[in-house]
Amino acid sequence: MGWLSRTFDPKISTHLLREEGEVIVDDVHHHWVVYIFPVMEALVGFGLLYLFLVSPVDLAWLPLVLAAAVFVHAAWKAVNEHMDRFVITNMRVFRVRGVLSQKLATMPLGRILDITVEKPLTGRLVDYGHFVFESAAQEQGLRDIRYVGRPYQRDLVIQRVVQRAGLRGPRVS
């Protein structure tokens, strides 16, 4: 399992500005709910393997090929979700995603104007939500972060980091 975990690790630490004192405050993985559909697909693949065992010999190849395709697709979806990370540091928020090619989207803390946390009914039941970031630049890869576990606590983490960075202080009238 060591090779597998190293291969499918987005290597977050390589994106840090260590010389400037950047440290990870929170490394956000997707909530476990995103793995339900890949697991369901894998169960369909096991059903197809059973069909392979009980099929006539001249047709047995078909469920076997279909099972292999279903397993590969389920594994691809699971790895794709695992490789999609949202990171909060003391200087910025960024998102790394992609399996074969990686995409990095970064937003300095000072550019965050507003964060909306959306919690659908199922999210309220199992504690996940979606972040919607508003910033001066609307076209960025950080606008929607979906399936974030404990979203209200993660929102408070971002608010604390912004406050500690001195980017927003108490209002004086």
N, C-alpha and C. Protein backbone atom coordinates (compact mmCIF):
# COMPACT_ATOMS: atom_id res chain seq x y z
N MET A 1 0.82 -1.20 0.00
CA MET A 1 0.00 0.00 0.00
C MET A 1 0.86 1.26 0.00
N GLY A 2 2.13 1.14 0.37
CA GLY A 2 3.02 2.30 0.42
C GLY A 2 3.20 2.94 -0.94
N TRP A 3 3.44 2.13 -1.98
CA TRP A 3 3.62 2.66 -3.33
C TRP A 3 2.34 3.34 -3.80
N LEU A 4 1.20 2.71 -3.52
CA LEU A 4 -0.07 3.24 -3.98
C LEU A 4 -0.36 4.60 -3.35
N SER A 5 -0.13 4.72 -2.04
CA SER A 5 -0.40 6.00 -1.37
C SER A 5 0.58 7.08 -1.82
N ARG A 6 1.82 6.71 -2.10
CA ARG A 6 2.79 7.70 -2.59
C ARG A 6 2.47 8.13 -4.02
N THR A 7 2.00 7.20 -4.83
CA THR A 7 1.69 7.51 -6.22
C THR A 7 0.49 8.44 -6.33
N PHE A 8 -0.51 8.20 -5.49
CA PHE A 8 -1.73 8.99 -5.56
C PHE A 8 -1.81 9.98 -4.41
N ASP A 9 -0.72 10.68 -4.19
CA ASP A 9 -0.66 11.76 -3.20
C ASP A 9 -0.41 13.05 -3.97
N PRO A 10 -1.24 14.08 -3.76
CA PRO A 10 -1.05 15.32 -4.53
C PRO A 10 0.18 16.13 -4.13
N LYS A 11 0.94 15.68 -3.13
CA LYS A 11 2.20 16.33 -2.73
C LYS A 11 2.00 17.82 -2.45
N ILE A 12 1.15 18.09 -1.49
CA ILE A 12 0.79 19.45 -1.11
C ILE A 12 2.01 20.27 -0.69
N SER A 13 2.91 19.65 0.03
CA SER A 13 4.05 20.40 0.59
C SER A 13 4.94 21.00 -0.49
N THR A 14 4.91 20.46 -1.71
CA THR A 14 5.75 21.02 -2.77
C THR A 14 5.24 22.38 -3.24
N HIS A 15 4.02 22.74 -2.89
CA HIS A 15 3.43 24.01 -3.33
C HIS A 15 3.55 25.11 -2.27
N LEU A 16 4.18 24.81 -1.15
CA LEU A 16 4.31 25.80 -0.07
C LEU A 16 5.48 26.74 -0.31
N LEU A 17 5.32 27.98 0.15
CA LEU A 17 6.39 28.98 0.11
C LEU A 17 7.10 28.93 1.46
N ARG A 18 7.88 27.90 1.68
CA ARG A 18 8.53 27.67 2.99
C ARG A 18 9.50 28.79 3.36
N GLU A 19 10.20 29.35 2.36
CA GLU A 19 11.16 30.41 2.64
C GLU A 19 10.47 31.66 3.20
N GLU A 20 9.21 31.86 2.85
CA GLU A 20 8.44 33.00 3.34
C GLU A 20 7.67 32.69 4.61
N GLY A 21 7.84 31.48 5.13
CA GLY A 21 7.19 31.09 6.38
C GLY A 21 5.78 30.55 6.22
N GLU A 22 5.43 30.09 5.03
CA GLU A 22 4.08 29.54 4.83
C GLU A 22 3.98 28.15 5.44
N VAL A 23 2.92 27.94 6.20
CA VAL A 23 2.65 26.64 6.82
C VAL A 23 1.20 26.25 6.56
N ILE A 24 0.96 24.96 6.54
CA ILE A 24 -0.39 24.44 6.34
C ILE A 24 -1.18 24.58 7.63
N VAL A 25 -2.34 25.19 7.53
CA VAL A 25 -3.26 25.29 8.65
C VAL A 25 -4.26 24.14 8.60
N ASP A 26 -4.74 23.80 7.39
CA ASP A 26 -5.68 22.70 7.22
C ASP A 26 -5.56 22.16 5.80
N ASP A 27 -5.45 20.84 5.68
CA ASP A 27 -5.43 20.13 4.42
C ASP A 27 -6.77 19.41 4.31
N VAL A 28 -7.64 19.89 3.43
CA VAL A 28 -9.02 19.43 3.39
C VAL A 28 -9.19 18.38 2.31
N HIS A 29 -9.51 17.17 2.74
CA HIS A 29 -9.87 16.08 1.82
C HIS A 29 -11.38 16.15 1.60
N HIS A 30 -11.84 15.52 0.54
CA HIS A 30 -13.29 15.44 0.33
C HIS A 30 -13.91 14.58 1.42
N HIS A 31 -15.17 14.86 1.72
CA HIS A 31 -15.95 14.08 2.67
C HIS A 31 -16.11 12.66 2.11
N TRP A 32 -16.25 11.68 2.99
CA TRP A 32 -16.35 10.29 2.57
C TRP A 32 -17.54 10.02 1.64
N VAL A 33 -18.53 10.90 1.64
CA VAL A 33 -19.72 10.68 0.83
C VAL A 33 -19.40 10.64 -0.67
N VAL A 34 -18.29 11.25 -1.10
CA VAL A 34 -17.95 11.24 -2.53
C VAL A 34 -17.53 9.86 -3.01
N TYR A 35 -17.22 8.96 -2.08
CA TYR A 35 -16.79 7.62 -2.46
C TYR A 35 -17.96 6.63 -2.56
N ILE A 36 -19.18 7.07 -2.27
CA ILE A 36 -20.33 6.16 -2.32
C ILE A 36 -20.57 5.65 -3.74
N PHE A 37 -20.57 6.53 -4.73
CA PHE A 37 -20.83 6.08 -6.10
C PHE A 37 -19.72 5.18 -6.64
N PRO A 38 -18.43 5.46 -6.41
CA PRO A 38 -17.42 4.49 -6.84
C PRO A 38 -17.58 3.12 -6.17
N VAL A 39 -17.96 3.11 -4.90
CA VAL A 39 -18.17 1.82 -4.22
C VAL A 39 -19.37 1.10 -4.83
N MET A 40 -20.43 1.83 -5.13
CA MET A 40 -21.59 1.21 -5.77
C MET A 40 -21.23 0.65 -7.14
N GLU A 41 -20.41 1.37 -7.88
CA GLU A 41 -19.95 0.87 -9.18
C GLU A 41 -19.14 -0.41 -9.01
N ALA A 42 -18.28 -0.44 -7.98
CA ALA A 42 -17.48 -1.64 -7.73
C ALA A 42 -18.38 -2.83 -7.40
N LEU A 43 -19.47 -2.59 -6.67
CA LEU A 43 -20.42 -3.66 -6.38
C LEU A 43 -21.07 -4.19 -7.66
N VAL A 44 -21.38 -3.29 -8.59
CA VAL A 44 -21.89 -3.72 -9.89
C VAL A 44 -20.84 -4.57 -10.60
N GLY A 45 -19.57 -4.17 -10.48
CA GLY A 45 -18.48 -4.96 -11.07
C GLY A 45 -18.42 -6.36 -10.49
N PHE A 46 -18.64 -6.50 -9.17
CA PHE A 46 -18.66 -7.83 -8.57
C PHE A 46 -19.85 -8.64 -9.08
N GLY A 47 -20.98 -7.97 -9.29
CA GLY A 47 -22.13 -8.66 -9.88
C GLY A 47 -21.81 -9.17 -11.28
N LEU A 48 -21.09 -8.38 -12.05
CA LEU A 48 -20.69 -8.81 -13.39
C LEU A 48 -19.69 -9.96 -13.32
N LEU A 49 -18.84 -9.96 -12.31
CA LEU A 49 -17.92 -11.10 -12.13
C LEU A 49 -18.70 -12.37 -11.82
N TYR A 50 -19.76 -12.25 -11.05
CA TYR A 50 -20.60 -13.41 -10.77
C TYR A 50 -21.23 -13.91 -12.07
N LEU A 51 -21.71 -12.98 -12.91
CA LEU A 51 -22.25 -13.38 -14.21
C LEU A 51 -21.21 -14.09 -15.06
N PHE A 52 -19.96 -13.66 -14.95
CA PHE A 52 -18.87 -14.31 -15.67
C PHE A 52 -18.76 -15.78 -15.24
N LEU A 53 -18.94 -16.03 -13.94
CA LEU A 53 -18.80 -17.39 -13.43
C LEU A 53 -19.95 -18.30 -13.86
N VAL A 54 -21.13 -17.75 -14.05
CA VAL A 54 -22.29 -18.59 -14.37
C VAL A 54 -22.68 -18.52 -15.85
N SER A 55 -21.97 -17.74 -16.65
CA SER A 55 -22.30 -17.61 -18.08
C SER A 55 -21.78 -18.80 -18.87
N PRO A 56 -22.40 -19.07 -20.01
CA PRO A 56 -21.86 -20.10 -20.91
C PRO A 56 -20.44 -19.69 -21.35
N VAL A 57 -19.63 -20.66 -21.61
CA VAL A 57 -18.22 -20.42 -21.89
C VAL A 57 -18.03 -19.49 -23.09
N ASP A 58 -18.84 -19.64 -24.11
CA ASP A 58 -18.64 -18.82 -25.31
C ASP A 58 -19.06 -17.36 -25.11
N LEU A 59 -19.84 -17.05 -24.04
CA LEU A 59 -20.23 -15.66 -23.76
C LEU A 59 -19.60 -15.10 -22.48
N ALA A 60 -18.78 -15.89 -21.82
CA ALA A 60 -18.24 -15.47 -20.52
C ALA A 60 -17.33 -14.26 -20.63
N TRP A 61 -16.73 -14.04 -21.77
CA TRP A 61 -15.82 -12.91 -21.93
C TRP A 61 -16.52 -11.56 -21.76
N LEU A 62 -17.80 -11.49 -22.15
CA LEU A 62 -18.52 -10.21 -22.11
C LEU A 62 -18.68 -9.67 -20.69
N PRO A 63 -19.21 -10.45 -19.72
CA PRO A 63 -19.28 -9.89 -18.37
C PRO A 63 -17.91 -9.62 -17.76
N LEU A 64 -16.92 -10.39 -18.17
CA LEU A 64 -15.56 -10.16 -17.65
C LEU A 64 -15.01 -8.82 -18.14
N VAL A 65 -15.20 -8.52 -19.41
CA VAL A 65 -14.73 -7.25 -19.96
C VAL A 65 -15.51 -6.09 -19.35
N LEU A 66 -16.83 -6.27 -19.21
CA LEU A 66 -17.65 -5.22 -18.60
C LEU A 66 -17.25 -5.00 -17.14
N ALA A 67 -16.98 -6.07 -16.41
CA ALA A 67 -16.55 -5.94 -15.01
C ALA A 67 -15.24 -5.18 -14.92
N ALA A 68 -14.29 -5.50 -15.80
CA ALA A 68 -13.01 -4.80 -15.79
C ALA A 68 -13.21 -3.31 -16.07
N ALA A 69 -14.07 -2.99 -17.05
CA ALA A 69 -14.32 -1.58 -17.38
C ALA A 69 -14.97 -0.85 -16.20
N VAL A 70 -15.91 -1.51 -15.53
CA VAL A 70 -16.58 -0.89 -14.38
C VAL A 70 -15.59 -0.67 -13.24
N PHE A 71 -14.72 -1.65 -12.97
CA PHE A 71 -13.72 -1.50 -11.91
C PHE A 71 -12.75 -0.37 -12.21
N VAL A 72 -12.30 -0.28 -13.45
CA VAL A 72 -11.38 0.79 -13.83
C VAL A 72 -12.06 2.16 -13.67
N HIS A 73 -13.31 2.27 -14.10
CA HIS A 73 -14.01 3.54 -13.99
C HIS A 73 -14.22 3.92 -12.53
N ALA A 74 -14.61 2.96 -11.68
CA ALA A 74 -14.81 3.24 -10.26
C ALA A 74 -13.50 3.66 -9.60
N ALA A 75 -12.43 2.97 -9.94
CA ALA A 75 -11.12 3.33 -9.36
C ALA A 75 -10.70 4.72 -9.81
N TRP A 76 -10.94 5.04 -11.09
CA TRP A 76 -10.60 6.37 -11.61
C TRP A 76 -11.35 7.47 -10.86
N LYS A 77 -12.64 7.27 -10.65
CA LYS A 77 -13.43 8.27 -9.93
C LYS A 77 -12.95 8.44 -8.50
N ALA A 78 -12.63 7.33 -7.83
CA ALA A 78 -12.15 7.40 -6.44
C ALA A 78 -10.81 8.11 -6.36
N VAL A 79 -9.89 7.78 -7.24
CA VAL A 79 -8.57 8.42 -7.22
C VAL A 79 -8.69 9.90 -7.57
N ASN A 80 -9.56 10.23 -8.50
CA ASN A 80 -9.77 11.63 -8.88
C ASN A 80 -10.28 12.43 -7.68
N GLU A 81 -11.19 11.89 -6.91
CA GLU A 81 -11.68 12.58 -5.71
C GLU A 81 -10.58 12.69 -4.66
N HIS A 82 -9.78 11.64 -4.52
CA HIS A 82 -8.69 11.67 -3.53
C HIS A 82 -7.63 12.72 -3.88
N MET A 83 -7.39 12.91 -5.16
CA MET A 83 -6.35 13.85 -5.59
C MET A 83 -6.83 15.30 -5.60
N ASP A 84 -8.08 15.55 -5.31
CA ASP A 84 -8.62 16.91 -5.27
C ASP A 84 -8.53 17.41 -3.83
N ARG A 85 -7.60 18.32 -3.56
CA ARG A 85 -7.37 18.82 -2.21
C ARG A 85 -7.52 20.32 -2.15
N PHE A 86 -8.07 20.77 -1.05
CA PHE A 86 -8.22 22.19 -0.75
C PHE A 86 -7.37 22.44 0.48
N VAL A 87 -6.46 23.42 0.39
CA VAL A 87 -5.49 23.66 1.45
C VAL A 87 -5.61 25.10 1.95
N ILE A 88 -5.62 25.23 3.27
CA ILE A 88 -5.62 26.54 3.91
C ILE A 88 -4.26 26.72 4.56
N THR A 89 -3.57 27.80 4.21
CA THR A 89 -2.29 28.10 4.85
C THR A 89 -2.41 29.43 5.58
N ASN A 90 -1.32 29.83 6.20
CA ASN A 90 -1.33 31.11 6.90
C ASN A 90 -1.24 32.30 5.94
N MET A 91 -1.08 32.05 4.63
CA MET A 91 -0.94 33.12 3.65
C MET A 91 -1.99 33.10 2.54
N ARG A 92 -2.55 31.93 2.26
CA ARG A 92 -3.45 31.79 1.11
C ARG A 92 -4.28 30.53 1.23
N VAL A 93 -5.21 30.38 0.32
CA VAL A 93 -5.91 29.11 0.13
C VAL A 93 -5.58 28.64 -1.28
N PHE A 94 -5.42 27.34 -1.44
CA PHE A 94 -5.20 26.83 -2.78
C PHE A 94 -5.81 25.45 -2.92
N ARG A 95 -6.00 25.09 -4.19
CA ARG A 95 -6.61 23.80 -4.53
C ARG A 95 -5.72 23.11 -5.54
N VAL A 96 -5.42 21.86 -5.27
CA VAL A 96 -4.65 21.02 -6.18
C VAL A 96 -5.56 19.87 -6.60
N ARG A 97 -5.67 19.65 -7.89
CA ARG A 97 -6.50 18.54 -8.35
C ARG A 97 -5.96 18.00 -9.67
N GLY A 98 -6.33 16.76 -9.94
CA GLY A 98 -5.93 16.11 -11.18
C GLY A 98 -5.11 14.87 -10.91
N VAL A 99 -5.30 13.87 -11.75
CA VAL A 99 -4.59 12.60 -11.60
C VAL A 99 -3.40 12.56 -12.54
N LEU A 100 -3.63 12.60 -13.83
CA LEU A 100 -2.53 12.53 -14.79
C LEU A 100 -1.86 13.89 -14.96
N SER A 101 -2.63 14.94 -15.04
CA SER A 101 -2.07 16.28 -15.05
C SER A 101 -2.68 17.02 -13.86
N GLN A 102 -1.89 17.89 -13.25
CA GLN A 102 -2.37 18.59 -12.07
C GLN A 102 -2.71 20.04 -12.39
N LYS A 103 -3.74 20.52 -11.71
CA LYS A 103 -4.14 21.92 -11.83
C LYS A 103 -4.05 22.54 -10.44
N LEU A 104 -3.45 23.72 -10.36
CA LEU A 104 -3.28 24.43 -9.10
C LEU A 104 -3.97 25.79 -9.22
N ALA A 105 -4.86 26.08 -8.28
CA ALA A 105 -5.52 27.38 -8.22
C ALA A 105 -5.22 27.98 -6.85
N THR A 106 -4.80 29.24 -6.82
CA THR A 106 -4.37 29.89 -5.59
C THR A 106 -5.11 31.21 -5.41
N MET A 107 -5.44 31.52 -4.14
CA MET A 107 -6.03 32.81 -3.81
C MET A 107 -5.40 33.32 -2.51
N PRO A 108 -4.74 34.47 -2.55
CA PRO A 108 -4.23 35.04 -1.31
C PRO A 108 -5.38 35.36 -0.36
N LEU A 109 -5.13 35.29 0.92
CA LEU A 109 -6.18 35.54 1.91
C LEU A 109 -6.80 36.92 1.75
N GLY A 110 -6.01 37.89 1.35
CA GLY A 110 -6.51 39.25 1.21
C GLY A 110 -7.51 39.43 0.08
N ARG A 111 -7.57 38.49 -0.84
CA ARG A 111 -8.50 38.60 -1.98
C ARG A 111 -9.85 37.96 -1.70
N ILE A 112 -9.96 37.26 -0.58
CA ILE A 112 -11.23 36.63 -0.24
C ILE A 112 -12.18 37.71 0.26
N LEU A 113 -13.25 37.93 -0.48
CA LEU A 113 -14.23 38.93 -0.09
C LEU A 113 -15.35 38.31 0.74
N ASP A 114 -15.75 37.11 0.36
CA ASP A 114 -16.89 36.49 1.03
C ASP A 114 -16.82 34.99 0.84
N ILE A 115 -17.26 34.24 1.83
CA ILE A 115 -17.35 32.79 1.75
C ILE A 115 -18.78 32.41 2.10
N THR A 116 -19.41 31.67 1.20
CA THR A 116 -20.74 31.15 1.46
C THR A 116 -20.61 29.65 1.68
N VAL A 117 -21.22 29.16 2.76
CA VAL A 117 -21.23 27.73 3.03
C VAL A 117 -22.64 27.23 2.76
N GLU A 118 -22.75 26.30 1.84
CA GLU A 118 -24.04 25.70 1.51
C GLU A 118 -24.05 24.27 2.05
N LYS A 119 -25.10 23.94 2.81
CA LYS A 119 -25.24 22.58 3.34
C LYS A 119 -26.57 22.00 2.87
N PRO A 120 -26.54 21.10 1.89
CA PRO A 120 -27.79 20.47 1.47
C PRO A 120 -28.31 19.55 2.58
N LEU A 121 -29.51 19.03 2.41
CA LEU A 121 -30.11 18.18 3.44
C LEU A 121 -29.21 17.00 3.79
N THR A 122 -28.69 16.31 2.78
CA THR A 122 -27.80 15.18 3.08
C THR A 122 -26.53 15.66 3.76
N GLY A 123 -26.07 16.85 3.42
CA GLY A 123 -24.90 17.41 4.07
C GLY A 123 -25.15 17.72 5.53
N ARG A 124 -26.37 18.14 5.85
CA ARG A 124 -26.73 18.40 7.25
C ARG A 124 -26.78 17.09 8.03
N LEU A 125 -27.15 16.01 7.36
CA LEU A 125 -27.25 14.72 8.04
C LEU A 125 -25.88 14.11 8.34
N VAL A 126 -24.95 14.23 7.40
CA VAL A 126 -23.64 13.59 7.58
C VAL A 126 -22.49 14.59 7.65
N ASP A 127 -22.81 15.88 7.81
CA ASP A 127 -21.85 16.96 8.06
C ASP A 127 -20.85 17.21 6.93
N TYR A 128 -21.40 17.57 5.77
CA TYR A 128 -20.56 18.09 4.70
C TYR A 128 -21.28 19.29 4.08
N GLY A 129 -20.53 20.08 3.34
CA GLY A 129 -21.10 21.24 2.69
C GLY A 129 -20.23 21.66 1.53
N HIS A 130 -20.63 22.75 0.91
CA HIS A 130 -19.92 23.28 -0.25
C HIS A 130 -19.54 24.73 0.05
N PHE A 131 -18.31 25.10 -0.30
CA PHE A 131 -17.85 26.47 -0.17
C PHE A 131 -18.03 27.19 -1.50
N VAL A 132 -18.47 28.42 -1.44
CA VAL A 132 -18.49 29.30 -2.61
C VAL A 132 -17.71 30.54 -2.22
N PHE A 133 -16.58 30.75 -2.87
CA PHE A 133 -15.72 31.89 -2.59
C PHE A 133 -16.05 33.04 -3.55
N GLU A 134 -16.14 34.22 -3.00
CA GLU A 134 -16.28 35.44 -3.80
C GLU A 134 -14.99 36.22 -3.64
N SER A 135 -14.44 36.62 -4.77
CA SER A 135 -13.22 37.42 -4.73
C SER A 135 -13.29 38.46 -5.83
N ALA A 136 -12.27 39.30 -5.89
CA ALA A 136 -12.22 40.34 -6.91
C ALA A 136 -12.14 39.72 -8.30
N ALA A 137 -11.44 38.61 -8.43
CA ALA A 137 -11.34 37.90 -9.71
C ALA A 137 -12.33 36.74 -9.70
N GLN A 138 -13.40 36.84 -10.45
CA GLN A 138 -14.46 35.83 -10.41
C GLN A 138 -14.10 34.55 -11.15
N GLU A 139 -13.23 34.61 -12.12
CA GLU A 139 -12.88 33.42 -12.89
C GLU A 139 -11.63 32.78 -12.30
N GLN A 140 -11.83 31.90 -11.35
CA GLN A 140 -10.70 31.19 -10.77
C GLN A 140 -11.14 29.78 -10.43
N GLY A 141 -10.18 28.91 -10.16
CA GLY A 141 -10.48 27.52 -9.85
C GLY A 141 -10.87 27.31 -8.41
N LEU A 142 -11.04 28.37 -7.66
CA LEU A 142 -11.40 28.25 -6.24
C LEU A 142 -12.80 28.75 -5.94
N ARG A 143 -13.59 28.98 -6.92
CA ARG A 143 -14.93 29.51 -6.65
C ARG A 143 -15.79 28.50 -5.91
N ASP A 144 -15.86 27.27 -6.39
CA ASP A 144 -16.69 26.24 -5.76
C ASP A 144 -15.81 25.09 -5.26
N ILE A 145 -15.87 24.85 -3.98
CA ILE A 145 -15.20 23.70 -3.37
C ILE A 145 -16.32 22.82 -2.80
N ARG A 146 -16.49 21.66 -3.38
CA ARG A 146 -17.64 20.82 -3.03
C ARG A 146 -17.24 19.68 -2.10
N TYR A 147 -18.20 19.23 -1.32
CA TYR A 147 -18.07 18.08 -0.41
C TYR A 147 -16.95 18.28 0.61
N VAL A 148 -17.03 19.37 1.34
CA VAL A 148 -16.08 19.67 2.40
C VAL A 148 -16.67 19.17 3.72
N GLY A 149 -15.92 18.32 4.40
CA GLY A 149 -16.37 17.84 5.70
C GLY A 149 -16.22 18.93 6.75
N ARG A 150 -17.14 18.94 7.73
CA ARG A 150 -17.16 19.93 8.80
C ARG A 150 -17.00 21.35 8.23
N PRO A 151 -17.89 21.79 7.34
CA PRO A 151 -17.69 23.07 6.65
C PRO A 151 -17.74 24.28 7.55
N TYR A 152 -18.56 24.27 8.60
CA TYR A 152 -18.63 25.44 9.47
C TYR A 152 -17.32 25.61 10.25
N GLN A 153 -16.73 24.50 10.71
CA GLN A 153 -15.45 24.59 11.40
C GLN A 153 -14.35 25.06 10.45
N ARG A 154 -14.39 24.58 9.19
CA ARG A 154 -13.39 24.99 8.21
C ARG A 154 -13.54 26.46 7.87
N ASP A 155 -14.78 26.96 7.82
CA ASP A 155 -15.02 28.38 7.59
C ASP A 155 -14.42 29.20 8.73
N LEU A 156 -14.61 28.75 9.96
CA LEU A 156 -14.03 29.46 11.11
C LEU A 156 -12.51 29.46 11.06
N VAL A 157 -11.92 28.37 10.59
CA VAL A 157 -10.45 28.31 10.45
C VAL A 157 -9.99 29.39 9.48
N ILE A 158 -10.66 29.51 8.35
CA ILE A 158 -10.28 30.53 7.36
C ILE A 158 -10.46 31.92 7.95
N GLN A 159 -11.56 32.16 8.65
CA GLN A 159 -11.81 33.48 9.25
C GLN A 159 -10.73 33.81 10.28
N ARG A 160 -10.33 32.82 11.08
CA ARG A 160 -9.25 33.06 12.08
C ARG A 160 -7.93 33.38 11.41
N VAL A 161 -7.61 32.64 10.35
CA VAL A 161 -6.34 32.89 9.65
C VAL A 161 -6.33 34.28 9.04
N VAL A 162 -7.45 34.68 8.45
CA VAL A 162 -7.55 36.03 7.86
C VAL A 162 -7.40 37.08 8.96
N GLN A 163 -8.06 36.86 10.09
CA GLN A 163 -7.98 37.81 11.21
C GLN A 163 -6.55 37.91 11.74
N ARG A 164 -5.90 36.77 11.93
CA ARG A 164 -4.52 36.77 12.46
C ARG A 164 -3.54 37.41 11.49
N ALA A 165 -3.83 37.29 10.20
CA ALA A 165 -2.94 37.91 9.21
C ALA A 165 -3.10 39.42 9.18
N GLY A 166 -4.09 39.95 9.90
CA GLY A 166 -4.30 41.39 9.96
C GLY A 166 -4.96 41.96 8.73
N LEU A 167 -5.59 41.10 7.94
CA LEU A 167 -6.22 41.58 6.71
C LEU A 167 -7.57 42.22 6.96
N ARG A 168 -8.22 41.81 8.05
CA ARG A 168 -9.48 42.44 8.45
C ARG A 168 -9.43 42.61 9.95
N GLY A 169 -9.58 43.80 10.36
CA GLY A 169 -9.55 44.07 11.79
C GLY A 169 -10.91 44.53 12.27
N PRO A 170 -11.02 44.75 13.57
CA PRO A 170 -12.28 45.26 14.08
C PRO A 170 -12.55 46.64 13.53
N ARG A 171 -13.81 46.92 13.22
CA ARG A 171 -14.18 48.23 12.67
C ARG A 171 -14.24 49.27 13.77
N VAL A 172 -13.66 50.42 13.47
CA VAL A 172 -13.67 51.52 14.41
C VAL A 172 -14.57 52.60 13.83
N SER A 173 -15.56 53.03 14.61
CA SER A 173 -16.50 54.04 14.10
C SER A 173 -16.14 55.41 14.61
